[in-house]
Amino acid sequence: MDFSAVLLAPIYATLGVPVTFTQAESAGSYSFTAIDKSAGVENPFGAAMDQTLVPAAVLRMKELTDAGLTRADIDRGYLVMNGKTWRVEAHRMKPTLGGEADGEVYLYLSEVA
């Protein structure tokens, strides 16, 4: 079963916003659909008692791989989302039952001034 098509596509069609991703180490620029979580999600890298919120964007891994990108291409890249430019500081995979390639990737962001 293609979980990305069945489960994720309707969510991204309804809640998704267009974003442009640019790789840090090349001139490659790509257009994707993301879920804007720039208001903040729980920091997965903090201490157990640290409930700090960090801005994020969520993309379907299938869109990234269809564009020829790998997980190694994500970090230190730049994302333009809803009129703001963000630097990708880290990422975390959120696989579906179909695996990482069929799931989502959370991009943890810092705003570029």
PDB file of N, CA and C in Angstrom:
ATOM      1  N   MET A   1       0.847  -1.181   0.000  1.00  0.00           N
ATOM      2  CA  MET A   1       0.000   0.000   0.000  1.00  0.00           C
ATOM      3  C   MET A   1       0.891   1.242   0.000  1.00  0.00           C
ATOM      4  N   ASP A   2       0.539   2.207  -0.793  1.00  0.00           N
ATOM      5  CA  ASP A   2       1.266   3.471  -0.860  1.00  0.00           C
ATOM      6  C   ASP A   2       0.662   4.424   0.176  1.00  0.00           C
ATOM      7  N   PHE A   3       1.227   4.404   1.394  1.00  0.00           N
ATOM      8  CA  PHE A   3       0.684   5.210   2.486  1.00  0.00           C
ATOM      9  C   PHE A   3       0.774   6.701   2.177  1.00  0.00           C
ATOM     10  N   SER A   4       1.827   7.109   1.488  1.00  0.00           N
ATOM     11  CA  SER A   4       1.985   8.516   1.142  1.00  0.00           C
ATOM     12  C   SER A   4       0.809   8.999   0.302  1.00  0.00           C
ATOM     13  N   ALA A   5       0.412   8.197  -0.673  1.00  0.00           N
ATOM     14  CA  ALA A   5      -0.697   8.586  -1.546  1.00  0.00           C
ATOM     15  C   ALA A   5      -2.043   8.500  -0.830  1.00  0.00           C
ATOM     16  N   VAL A   6      -2.229   7.443  -0.063  1.00  0.00           N
ATOM     17  CA  VAL A   6      -3.526   7.208   0.572  1.00  0.00           C
ATOM     18  C   VAL A   6      -3.753   8.101   1.793  1.00  0.00           C
ATOM     19  N   LEU A   7      -2.757   8.187   2.664  1.00  0.00           N
ATOM     20  CA  LEU A   7      -2.935   8.900   3.924  1.00  0.00           C
ATOM     21  C   LEU A   7      -2.425  10.343   3.902  1.00  0.00           C
ATOM     22  N   LEU A   8      -1.254  10.546   3.318  1.00  0.00           N
ATOM     23  CA  LEU A   8      -0.626  11.862   3.415  1.00  0.00           C
ATOM     24  C   LEU A   8      -1.078  12.838   2.331  1.00  0.00           C
ATOM     25  N   ALA A   9      -1.317  12.363   1.118  1.00  0.00           N
ATOM     26  CA  ALA A   9      -1.684  13.269   0.023  1.00  0.00           C
ATOM     27  C   ALA A   9      -2.909  14.132   0.348  1.00  0.00           C
ATOM     28  N   PRO A  10      -3.985  13.582   0.928  1.00  0.00           N
ATOM     29  CA  PRO A  10      -5.133  14.440   1.248  1.00  0.00           C
ATOM     30  C   PRO A  10      -4.805  15.511   2.295  1.00  0.00           C
ATOM     31  N   ILE A  11      -3.947  15.187   3.245  1.00  0.00           N
ATOM     32  CA  ILE A  11      -3.562  16.159   4.271  1.00  0.00           C
ATOM     33  C   ILE A  11      -2.767  17.296   3.651  1.00  0.00           C
ATOM     34  N   TYR A  12      -1.810  16.953   2.795  1.00  0.00           N
ATOM     35  CA  TYR A  12      -0.987  17.976   2.160  1.00  0.00           C
ATOM     36  C   TYR A  12      -1.787  18.802   1.163  1.00  0.00           C
ATOM     37  N   ALA A  13      -2.786  18.182   0.508  1.00  0.00           N
ATOM     38  CA  ALA A  13      -3.646  18.922  -0.414  1.00  0.00           C
ATOM     39  C   ALA A  13      -4.488  19.956   0.330  1.00  0.00           C
ATOM     40  N   THR A  14      -4.849  19.656   1.565  1.00  0.00           N
ATOM     41  CA  THR A  14      -5.688  20.548   2.357  1.00  0.00           C
ATOM     42  C   THR A  14      -4.878  21.558   3.158  1.00  0.00           C
ATOM     43  N   LEU A  15      -3.828  21.119   3.845  1.00  0.00           N
ATOM     44  CA  LEU A  15      -3.076  21.970   4.772  1.00  0.00           C
ATOM     45  C   LEU A  15      -1.738  22.453   4.224  1.00  0.00           C
ATOM     46  N   GLY A  16      -1.290  21.879   3.127  1.00  0.00           N
ATOM     47  CA  GLY A  16       0.040  22.177   2.616  1.00  0.00           C
ATOM     48  C   GLY A  16       0.181  23.575   2.048  1.00  0.00           C
ATOM     49  N   VAL A  17       1.399  24.083   2.134  1.00  0.00           N
ATOM     50  CA  VAL A  17       1.752  25.378   1.550  1.00  0.00           C
ATOM     51  C   VAL A  17       2.941  25.157   0.619  1.00  0.00           C
ATOM     52  N   PRO A  18       3.042  25.950  -0.436  1.00  0.00           N
ATOM     53  CA  PRO A  18       4.193  25.800  -1.320  1.00  0.00           C
ATOM     54  C   PRO A  18       5.461  26.321  -0.646  1.00  0.00           C
ATOM     55  N   VAL A  19       6.557  25.576  -0.808  1.00  0.00           N
ATOM     56  CA  VAL A  19       7.847  25.990  -0.269  1.00  0.00           C
ATOM     57  C   VAL A  19       8.907  25.805  -1.346  1.00  0.00           C
ATOM     58  N   THR A  20       9.978  26.560  -1.189  1.00  0.00           N
ATOM     59  CA  THR A  20      11.144  26.395  -2.051  1.00  0.00           C
ATOM     60  C   THR A  20      12.312  26.013  -1.172  1.00  0.00           C
ATOM     61  N   PHE A  21      12.957  24.920  -1.513  1.00  0.00           N
ATOM     62  CA  PHE A  21      14.112  24.433  -0.773  1.00  0.00           C
ATOM     63  C   PHE A  21      15.349  24.629  -1.630  1.00  0.00           C
ATOM     64  N   THR A  22      16.400  25.174  -1.019  1.00  0.00           N
ATOM     65  CA  THR A  22      17.677  25.350  -1.699  1.00  0.00           C
ATOM     66  C   THR A  22      18.749  24.624  -0.911  1.00  0.00           C
ATOM     67  N   GLN A  23      19.530  23.797  -1.587  1.00  0.00           N
ATOM     68  CA  GLN A  23      20.609  23.065  -0.939  1.00  0.00           C
ATOM     69  C   GLN A  23      21.709  24.032  -0.526  1.00  0.00           C
ATOM     70  N   ALA A  24      22.359  23.716   0.574  1.00  0.00           N
ATOM     71  CA  ALA A  24      23.420  24.571   1.101  1.00  0.00           C
ATOM     72  C   ALA A  24      24.671  24.507   0.244  1.00  0.00           C
ATOM     73  N   GLU A  25      24.990  23.352  -0.284  1.00  0.00           N
ATOM     74  CA  GLU A  25      26.271  23.166  -0.954  1.00  0.00           C
ATOM     75  C   GLU A  25      26.177  23.142  -2.474  1.00  0.00           C
ATOM     76  N   SER A  26      25.013  23.499  -3.019  1.00  0.00           N
ATOM     77  CA  SER A  26      24.888  23.569  -4.472  1.00  0.00           C
ATOM     78  C   SER A  26      23.841  24.626  -4.808  1.00  0.00           C
ATOM     79  N   ALA A  27      23.672  24.878  -6.056  1.00  0.00           N
ATOM     80  CA  ALA A  27      22.691  25.875  -6.480  1.00  0.00           C
ATOM     81  C   ALA A  27      21.320  25.256  -6.706  1.00  0.00           C
ATOM     82  N   GLY A  28      21.170  23.989  -6.319  1.00  0.00           N
ATOM     83  CA  GLY A  28      19.908  23.300  -6.552  1.00  0.00           C
ATOM     84  C   GLY A  28      18.759  23.914  -5.780  1.00  0.00           C
ATOM     85  N   SER A  29      17.661  24.204  -6.486  1.00  0.00           N
ATOM     86  CA  SER A  29      16.467  24.773  -5.864  1.00  0.00           C
ATOM     87  C   SER A  29      15.273  23.922  -6.271  1.00  0.00           C
ATOM     88  N   TYR A  30      14.401  23.613  -5.305  1.00  0.00           N
ATOM     89  CA  TYR A  30      13.308  22.686  -5.532  1.00  0.00           C
ATOM     90  C   TYR A  30      12.015  23.233  -4.928  1.00  0.00           C
ATOM     91  N   SER A  31      10.898  22.925  -5.563  1.00  0.00           N
ATOM     92  CA  SER A  31       9.582  23.327  -5.053  1.00  0.00           C
ATOM     93  C   SER A  31       8.878  22.103  -4.487  1.00  0.00           C
ATOM     94  N   PHE A  32       8.347  22.265  -3.276  1.00  0.00           N
ATOM     95  CA  PHE A  32       7.647  21.192  -2.592  1.00  0.00           C
ATOM     96  C   PHE A  32       6.387  21.742  -1.934  1.00  0.00           C
ATOM     97  N   THR A  33       5.602  20.841  -1.354  1.00  0.00           N
ATOM     98  CA  THR A  33       4.475  21.202  -0.507  1.00  0.00           C
ATOM     99  C   THR A  33       4.833  20.772   0.907  1.00  0.00           C
ATOM    100  N   ALA A  34       4.621  21.667   1.870  1.00  0.00           N
ATOM    101  CA  ALA A  34       4.973  21.370   3.263  1.00  0.00           C
ATOM    102  C   ALA A  34       3.825  21.746   4.185  1.00  0.00           C
ATOM    103  N   ILE A  35       3.854  21.182   5.367  1.00  0.00           N
ATOM    104  CA  ILE A  35       2.956  21.594   6.443  1.00  0.00           C
ATOM    105  C   ILE A  35       3.750  22.579   7.288  1.00  0.00           C
ATOM    106  N   ASP A  36       3.226  23.797   7.422  1.00  0.00           N
ATOM    107  CA  ASP A  36       3.902  24.857   8.168  1.00  0.00           C
ATOM    108  C   ASP A  36       3.666  24.656   9.662  1.00  0.00           C
ATOM    109  N   LYS A  37       4.737  24.371  10.365  1.00  0.00           N
ATOM    110  CA  LYS A  37       4.692  24.235  11.818  1.00  0.00           C
ATOM    111  C   LYS A  37       5.665  25.242  12.439  1.00  0.00           C
ATOM    112  N   SER A  38       5.782  26.413  11.782  1.00  0.00           N
ATOM    113  CA  SER A  38       6.724  27.427  12.248  1.00  0.00           C
ATOM    114  C   SER A  38       6.296  28.053  13.580  1.00  0.00           C
ATOM    115  N   ALA A  39       5.060  27.838  14.003  1.00  0.00           N
ATOM    116  CA  ALA A  39       4.638  28.304  15.325  1.00  0.00           C
ATOM    117  C   ALA A  39       5.326  27.491  16.416  1.00  0.00           C
ATOM    118  N   GLY A  40       5.835  26.328  16.051  1.00  0.00           N
ATOM    119  CA  GLY A  40       6.635  25.539  16.982  1.00  0.00           C
ATOM    120  C   GLY A  40       6.112  24.146  17.230  1.00  0.00           C
ATOM    121  N   VAL A  41       7.060  23.224  17.309  1.00  0.00           N
ATOM    122  CA  VAL A  41       6.810  21.852  17.728  1.00  0.00           C
ATOM    123  C   VAL A  41       7.779  21.561  18.863  1.00  0.00           C
ATOM    124  N   GLU A  42       7.502  20.539  19.634  1.00  0.00           N
ATOM    125  CA  GLU A  42       8.376  20.195  20.759  1.00  0.00           C
ATOM    126  C   GLU A  42       9.781  19.860  20.256  1.00  0.00           C
ATOM    127  N   ASN A  43      10.772  20.415  20.919  1.00  0.00           N
ATOM    128  CA  ASN A  43      12.170  20.210  20.558  1.00  0.00           C
ATOM    129  C   ASN A  43      12.575  18.765  20.846  1.00  0.00           C
ATOM    130  N   PRO A  44      12.829  17.954  19.798  1.00  0.00           N
ATOM    131  CA  PRO A  44      13.186  16.558  20.039  1.00  0.00           C
ATOM    132  C   PRO A  44      14.628  16.382  20.503  1.00  0.00           C
ATOM    133  N   PHE A  45      15.414  17.447  20.475  1.00  0.00           N
ATOM    134  CA  PHE A  45      16.829  17.350  20.800  1.00  0.00           C
ATOM    135  C   PHE A  45      17.154  17.904  22.180  1.00  0.00           C
ATOM    136  N   GLY A  46      16.147  18.425  22.878  1.00  0.00           N
ATOM    137  CA  GLY A  46      16.360  18.988  24.207  1.00  0.00           C
ATOM    138  C   GLY A  46      16.371  17.910  25.280  1.00  0.00           C
ATOM    139  N   ALA A  47      16.709  18.326  26.488  1.00  0.00           N
ATOM    140  CA  ALA A  47      16.693  17.427  27.638  1.00  0.00           C
ATOM    141  C   ALA A  47      15.253  17.022  27.941  1.00  0.00           C
ATOM    142  N   ALA A  48      15.086  15.973  28.720  1.00  0.00           N
ATOM    143  CA  ALA A  48      13.749  15.456  29.023  1.00  0.00           C
ATOM    144  C   ALA A  48      12.845  16.520  29.636  1.00  0.00           C
ATOM    145  N   MET A  49      13.392  17.416  30.414  1.00  0.00           N
ATOM    146  CA  MET A  49      12.584  18.448  31.052  1.00  0.00           C
ATOM    147  C   MET A  49      12.464  19.715  30.204  1.00  0.00           C
ATOM    148  N   ASP A  50      13.191  19.770  29.103  1.00  0.00           N
ATOM    149  CA  ASP A  50      13.191  20.945  28.233  1.00  0.00           C
ATOM    150  C   ASP A  50      12.048  20.827  27.239  1.00  0.00           C
ATOM    151  N   GLN A  51      10.997  21.583  27.443  1.00  0.00           N
ATOM    152  CA  GLN A  51       9.837  21.547  26.561  1.00  0.00           C
ATOM    153  C   GLN A  51       9.840  22.725  25.590  1.00  0.00           C
ATOM    154  N   THR A  52      11.007  23.189  25.213  1.00  0.00           N
ATOM    155  CA  THR A  52      11.136  24.309  24.298  1.00  0.00           C
ATOM    156  C   THR A  52      10.511  23.975  22.947  1.00  0.00           C
ATOM    157  N   LEU A  53       9.839  24.948  22.360  1.00  0.00           N
ATOM    158  CA  LEU A  53       9.273  24.775  21.029  1.00  0.00           C
ATOM    159  C   LEU A  53      10.237  25.330  19.998  1.00  0.00           C
ATOM    160  N   VAL A  54      10.345  24.648  18.873  1.00  0.00           N
ATOM    161  CA  VAL A  54      11.185  25.107  17.772  1.00  0.00           C
ATOM    162  C   VAL A  54      10.346  25.125  16.498  1.00  0.00           C
ATOM    163  N   PRO A  55      10.605  26.088  15.597  1.00  0.00           N
ATOM    164  CA  PRO A  55       9.865  26.114  14.331  1.00  0.00           C
ATOM    165  C   PRO A  55      10.242  24.919  13.462  1.00  0.00           C
ATOM    166  N   ALA A  56       9.265  24.440  12.691  1.00  0.00           N
ATOM    167  CA  ALA A  56       9.500  23.273  11.841  1.00  0.00           C
ATOM    168  C   ALA A  56       8.647  23.347  10.578  1.00  0.00           C
ATOM    169  N   ALA A  57       9.004  22.523   9.638  1.00  0.00           N
ATOM    170  CA  ALA A  57       8.204  22.277   8.441  1.00  0.00           C
ATOM    171  C   ALA A  57       8.210  20.770   8.242  1.00  0.00           C
ATOM    172  N   VAL A  58       7.114  20.238   7.732  1.00  0.00           N
ATOM    173  CA  VAL A  58       7.012  18.801   7.517  1.00  0.00           C
ATOM    174  C   VAL A  58       6.794  18.556   6.026  1.00  0.00           C
ATOM    175  N   LEU A  59       7.624  17.712   5.445  1.00  0.00           N
ATOM    176  CA  LEU A  59       7.536  17.368   4.030  1.00  0.00           C
ATOM    177  C   LEU A  59       7.397  15.868   3.872  1.00  0.00           C
ATOM    178  N   ARG A  60       6.858  15.455   2.743  1.00  0.00           N
ATOM    179  CA  ARG A  60       6.804  14.028   2.418  1.00  0.00           C
ATOM    180  C   ARG A  60       8.167  13.618   1.854  1.00  0.00           C
ATOM    181  N   MET A  61       8.724  12.575   2.401  1.00  0.00           N
ATOM    182  CA  MET A  61      10.028  12.102   1.941  1.00  0.00           C
ATOM    183  C   MET A  61       9.982  11.706   0.474  1.00  0.00           C
ATOM    184  N   LYS A  62       8.848  11.234   0.011  1.00  0.00           N
ATOM    185  CA  LYS A  62       8.698  10.840  -1.393  1.00  0.00           C
ATOM    186  C   LYS A  62       8.948  12.024  -2.319  1.00  0.00           C
ATOM    187  N   GLU A  63       8.498  13.216  -1.941  1.00  0.00           N
ATOM    188  CA  GLU A  63       8.747  14.399  -2.773  1.00  0.00           C
ATOM    189  C   GLU A  63      10.244  14.691  -2.865  1.00  0.00           C
ATOM    190  N   LEU A  64      10.943  14.534  -1.746  1.00  0.00           N
ATOM    191  CA  LEU A  64      12.383  14.786  -1.745  1.00  0.00           C
ATOM    192  C   LEU A  64      13.117  13.767  -2.612  1.00  0.00           C
ATOM    193  N   THR A  65      12.778  12.495  -2.444  1.00  0.00           N
ATOM    194  CA  THR A  65      13.477  11.469  -3.231  1.00  0.00           C
ATOM    195  C   THR A  65      13.114  11.556  -4.708  1.00  0.00           C
ATOM    196  N   ASP A  66      11.874  11.928  -5.017  1.00  0.00           N
ATOM    197  CA  ASP A  66      11.488  12.113  -6.425  1.00  0.00           C
ATOM    198  C   ASP A  66      12.299  13.226  -7.079  1.00  0.00           C
ATOM    199  N   ALA A  67      12.756  14.198  -6.276  1.00  0.00           N
ATOM    200  CA  ALA A  67      13.577  15.294  -6.780  1.00  0.00           C
ATOM    201  C   ALA A  67      15.063  14.939  -6.793  1.00  0.00           C
ATOM    202  N   GLY A  68      15.385  13.718  -6.359  1.00  0.00           N
ATOM    203  CA  GLY A  68      16.769  13.278  -6.351  1.00  0.00           C
ATOM    204  C   GLY A  68      17.544  13.658  -5.102  1.00  0.00           C
ATOM    205  N   LEU A  69      16.842  14.078  -4.044  1.00  0.00           N
ATOM    206  CA  LEU A  69      17.494  14.471  -2.800  1.00  0.00           C
ATOM    207  C   LEU A  69      17.519  13.314  -1.811  1.00  0.00           C
ATOM    208  N   THR A  70      18.543  13.308  -0.961  1.00  0.00           N
ATOM    209  CA  THR A  70      18.660  12.320   0.101  1.00  0.00           C
ATOM    210  C   THR A  70      18.618  13.051   1.443  1.00  0.00           C
ATOM    211  N   ARG A  71      18.613  12.287   2.513  1.00  0.00           N
ATOM    212  CA  ARG A  71      18.640  12.892   3.857  1.00  0.00           C
ATOM    213  C   ARG A  71      19.867  13.763   4.032  1.00  0.00           C
ATOM    214  N   ALA A  72      20.981  13.386   3.440  1.00  0.00           N
ATOM    215  CA  ALA A  72      22.225  14.156   3.571  1.00  0.00           C
ATOM    216  C   ALA A  72      22.125  15.528   2.911  1.00  0.00           C
ATOM    217  N   ASP A  73      21.202  15.696   1.973  1.00  0.00           N
ATOM    218  CA  ASP A  73      21.052  16.978   1.268  1.00  0.00           C
ATOM    219  C   ASP A  73      20.209  17.991   2.024  1.00  0.00           C
ATOM    220  N   ILE A  74      19.556  17.563   3.096  1.00  0.00           N
ATOM    221  CA  ILE A  74      18.564  18.405   3.768  1.00  0.00           C
ATOM    222  C   ILE A  74      19.187  19.434   4.713  1.00  0.00           C
ATOM    223  N   ASP A  75      20.021  18.964   5.637  1.00  0.00           N
ATOM    224  CA  ASP A  75      20.556  19.855   6.671  1.00  0.00           C
ATOM    225  C   ASP A  75      21.404  20.972   6.072  1.00  0.00           C
ATOM    226  N   ARG A  76      21.321  22.128   6.690  1.00  0.00           N
ATOM    227  CA  ARG A  76      22.031  23.346   6.310  1.00  0.00           C
ATOM    228  C   ARG A  76      21.480  23.978   5.037  1.00  0.00           C
ATOM    229  N   GLY A  77      20.394  23.417   4.512  1.00  0.00           N
ATOM    230  CA  GLY A  77      19.740  24.019   3.360  1.00  0.00           C
ATOM    231  C   GLY A  77      18.837  25.156   3.812  1.00  0.00           C
ATOM    232  N   TYR A  78      18.190  25.799   2.858  1.00  0.00           N
ATOM    233  CA  TYR A  78      17.305  26.925   3.151  1.00  0.00           C
ATOM    234  C   TYR A  78      15.920  26.643   2.593  1.00  0.00           C
ATOM    235  N   LEU A  79      14.913  27.076   3.349  1.00  0.00           N
ATOM    236  CA  LEU A  79      13.526  26.866   2.984  1.00  0.00           C
ATOM    237  C   LEU A  79      12.816  28.207   3.004  1.00  0.00           C
ATOM    238  N   VAL A  80      12.134  28.538   1.920  1.00  0.00           N
ATOM    239  CA  VAL A  80      11.289  29.734   1.894  1.00  0.00           C
ATOM    240  C   VAL A  80       9.856  29.245   2.024  1.00  0.00           C
ATOM    241  N   MET A  81       9.199  29.704   3.101  1.00  0.00           N
ATOM    242  CA  MET A  81       7.851  29.238   3.423  1.00  0.00           C
ATOM    243  C   MET A  81       7.046  30.419   3.950  1.00  0.00           C
ATOM    244  N   ASN A  82       5.911  30.665   3.330  1.00  0.00           N
ATOM    245  CA  ASN A  82       5.016  31.750   3.742  1.00  0.00           C
ATOM    246  C   ASN A  82       5.745  33.092   3.879  1.00  0.00           C
ATOM    247  N   GLY A  83       6.612  33.379   2.921  1.00  0.00           N
ATOM    248  CA  GLY A  83       7.278  34.672   2.875  1.00  0.00           C
ATOM    249  C   GLY A  83       8.492  34.827   3.773  1.00  0.00           C
ATOM    250  N   LYS A  84       8.877  33.797   4.502  1.00  0.00           N
ATOM    251  CA  LYS A  84      10.052  33.857   5.372  1.00  0.00           C
ATOM    252  C   LYS A  84      11.096  32.857   4.903  1.00  0.00           C
ATOM    253  N   THR A  85      12.360  33.209   5.143  1.00  0.00           N
ATOM    254  CA  THR A  85      13.450  32.302   4.821  1.00  0.00           C
ATOM    255  C   THR A  85      13.945  31.657   6.102  1.00  0.00           C
ATOM    256  N   TRP A  86      14.095  30.343   6.051  1.00  0.00           N
ATOM    257  CA  TRP A  86      14.495  29.553   7.202  1.00  0.00           C
ATOM    258  C   TRP A  86      15.718  28.722   6.838  1.00  0.00           C
ATOM    259  N   ARG A  87      16.577  28.499   7.794  1.00  0.00           N
ATOM    260  CA  ARG A  87      17.715  27.586   7.633  1.00  0.00           C
ATOM    261  C   ARG A  87      17.336  26.260   8.291  1.00  0.00           C
ATOM    262  N   VAL A  88      17.597  25.158   7.619  1.00  0.00           N
ATOM    263  CA  VAL A  88      17.323  23.837   8.165  1.00  0.00           C
ATOM    264  C   VAL A  88      18.488  23.458   9.074  1.00  0.00           C
ATOM    265  N   GLU A  89      18.205  23.369  10.358  1.00  0.00           N
ATOM    266  CA  GLU A  89      19.238  23.060  11.347  1.00  0.00           C
ATOM    267  C   GLU A  89      19.401  21.557  11.567  1.00  0.00           C
ATOM    268  N   ALA A  90      18.301  20.826  11.462  1.00  0.00           N
ATOM    269  CA  ALA A  90      18.327  19.382  11.681  1.00  0.00           C
ATOM    270  C   ALA A  90      17.043  18.795  11.104  1.00  0.00           C
ATOM    271  N   HIS A  91      16.983  17.497  11.055  1.00  0.00           N
ATOM    272  CA  HIS A  91      15.763  16.837  10.588  1.00  0.00           C
ATOM    273  C   HIS A  91      15.550  15.540  11.372  1.00  0.00           C
ATOM    274  N   ARG A  92      14.317  15.058  11.310  1.00  0.00           N
ATOM    275  CA  ARG A  92      13.946  13.801  11.965  1.00  0.00           C
ATOM    276  C   ARG A  92      12.942  13.093  11.067  1.00  0.00           C
ATOM    277  N   MET A  93      13.140  11.827  10.878  1.00  0.00           N
ATOM    278  CA  MET A  93      12.247  11.045  10.034  1.00  0.00           C
ATOM    279  C   MET A  93      11.013  10.606  10.828  1.00  0.00           C
ATOM    280  N   LYS A  94       9.874  10.581  10.141  1.00  0.00           N
ATOM    281  CA  LYS A  94       8.634  10.062  10.707  1.00  0.00           C
ATOM    282  C   LYS A  94       8.079   9.059   9.686  1.00  0.00           C
ATOM    283  N   PRO A  95       8.517   7.807   9.779  1.00  0.00           N
ATOM    284  CA  PRO A  95       8.103   6.813   8.781  1.00  0.00           C
ATOM    285  C   PRO A  95       6.638   6.419   8.938  1.00  0.00           C
ATOM    286  N   THR A  96       6.076   5.901   7.853  1.00  0.00           N
ATOM    287  CA  THR A  96       4.766   5.262   7.905  1.00  0.00           C
ATOM    288  C   THR A  96       5.007   3.760   8.011  1.00  0.00           C
ATOM    289  N   LEU A  97       3.965   2.969   7.951  1.00  0.00           N
ATOM    290  CA  LEU A  97       4.130   1.513   7.947  1.00  0.00           C
ATOM    291  C   LEU A  97       4.885   1.052   6.700  1.00  0.00           C
ATOM    292  N   GLY A  98       4.943   1.925   5.690  1.00  0.00           N
ATOM    293  CA  GLY A  98       5.672   1.620   4.465  1.00  0.00           C
ATOM    294  C   GLY A  98       7.148   1.967   4.555  1.00  0.00           C
ATOM    295  N   GLY A  99       7.597   2.493   5.689  1.00  0.00           N
ATOM    296  CA  GLY A  99       9.007   2.822   5.878  1.00  0.00           C
ATOM    297  C   GLY A  99       9.298   4.308   5.759  1.00  0.00           C
ATOM    298  N   GLU A 100      10.579   4.654   5.926  1.00  0.00           N
ATOM    299  CA  GLU A 100      10.995   6.062   5.884  1.00  0.00           C
ATOM    300  C   GLU A 100      10.731   6.707   4.533  1.00  0.00           C
ATOM    301  N   ALA A 101      10.978   5.985   3.463  1.00  0.00           N
ATOM    302  CA  ALA A 101      10.824   6.556   2.124  1.00  0.00           C
ATOM    303  C   ALA A 101       9.370   6.899   1.809  1.00  0.00           C
ATOM    304  N   ASP A 102       8.433   6.299   2.532  1.00  0.00           N
ATOM    305  CA  ASP A 102       7.003   6.518   2.315  1.00  0.00           C
ATOM    306  C   ASP A 102       6.415   7.484   3.350  1.00  0.00           C
ATOM    307  N   GLY A 103       7.259   7.975   4.258  1.00  0.00           N
ATOM    308  CA  GLY A 103       6.769   8.801   5.355  1.00  0.00           C
ATOM    309  C   GLY A 103       7.061  10.283   5.196  1.00  0.00           C
ATOM    310  N   GLU A 104       7.232  10.919   6.338  1.00  0.00           N
ATOM    311  CA  GLU A 104       7.478  12.356   6.365  1.00  0.00           C
ATOM    312  C   GLU A 104       8.840  12.636   6.982  1.00  0.00           C
ATOM    313  N   VAL A 105       9.313  13.847   6.770  1.00  0.00           N
ATOM    314  CA  VAL A 105      10.533  14.311   7.397  1.00  0.00           C
ATOM    315  C   VAL A 105      10.244  15.668   8.027  1.00  0.00           C
ATOM    316  N   TYR A 106      10.558  15.785   9.314  1.00  0.00           N
ATOM    317  CA  TYR A 106      10.424  17.055  10.025  1.00  0.00           C
ATOM    318  C   TYR A 106      11.716  17.831   9.845  1.00  0.00           C
ATOM    319  N   LEU A 107      11.616  19.047   9.351  1.00  0.00           N
ATOM    320  CA  LEU A 107      12.767  19.932   9.227  1.00  0.00           C
ATOM    321  C   LEU A 107      12.702  20.930  10.366  1.00  0.00           C
ATOM    322  N   TYR A 108      13.736  20.964  11.198  1.00  0.00           N
ATOM    323  CA  TYR A 108      13.796  21.903  12.331  1.00  0.00           C
ATOM    324  C   TYR A 108      14.534  23.139  11.842  1.00  0.00           C
ATOM    325  N   LEU A 109      13.928  24.296  12.063  1.00  0.00           N
ATOM    326  CA  LEU A 109      14.322  25.515  11.388  1.00  0.00           C
ATOM    327  C   LEU A 109      14.789  26.616  12.341  1.00  0.00           C
ATOM    328  N   SER A 110      15.586  27.531  11.785  1.00  0.00           N
ATOM    329  CA  SER A 110      15.875  28.803  12.460  1.00  0.00           C
ATOM    330  C   SER A 110      15.657  29.887  11.406  1.00  0.00           C
ATOM    331  N   GLU A 111      15.034  30.985  11.820  1.00  0.00           N
ATOM    332  CA  GLU A 111      14.710  32.057  10.879  1.00  0.00           C
ATOM    333  C   GLU A 111      15.985  32.805  10.473  1.00  0.00           C
ATOM    334  N   VAL A 112      16.075  33.092   9.188  1.00  0.00           N
ATOM    335  CA  VAL A 112      17.200  33.861   8.662  1.00  0.00           C
ATOM    336  C   VAL A 112      16.790  35.325   8.675  1.00  0.00           C
ATOM    337  N   ALA A 113      17.607  36.152   9.318  1.00  0.00           N
ATOM    338  CA  ALA A 113      17.273  37.583   9.436  1.00  0.00           C
ATOM    339  C   ALA A 113      17.508  38.317   8.142  1.00  0.00           C
TER     340      ALA A 113
END
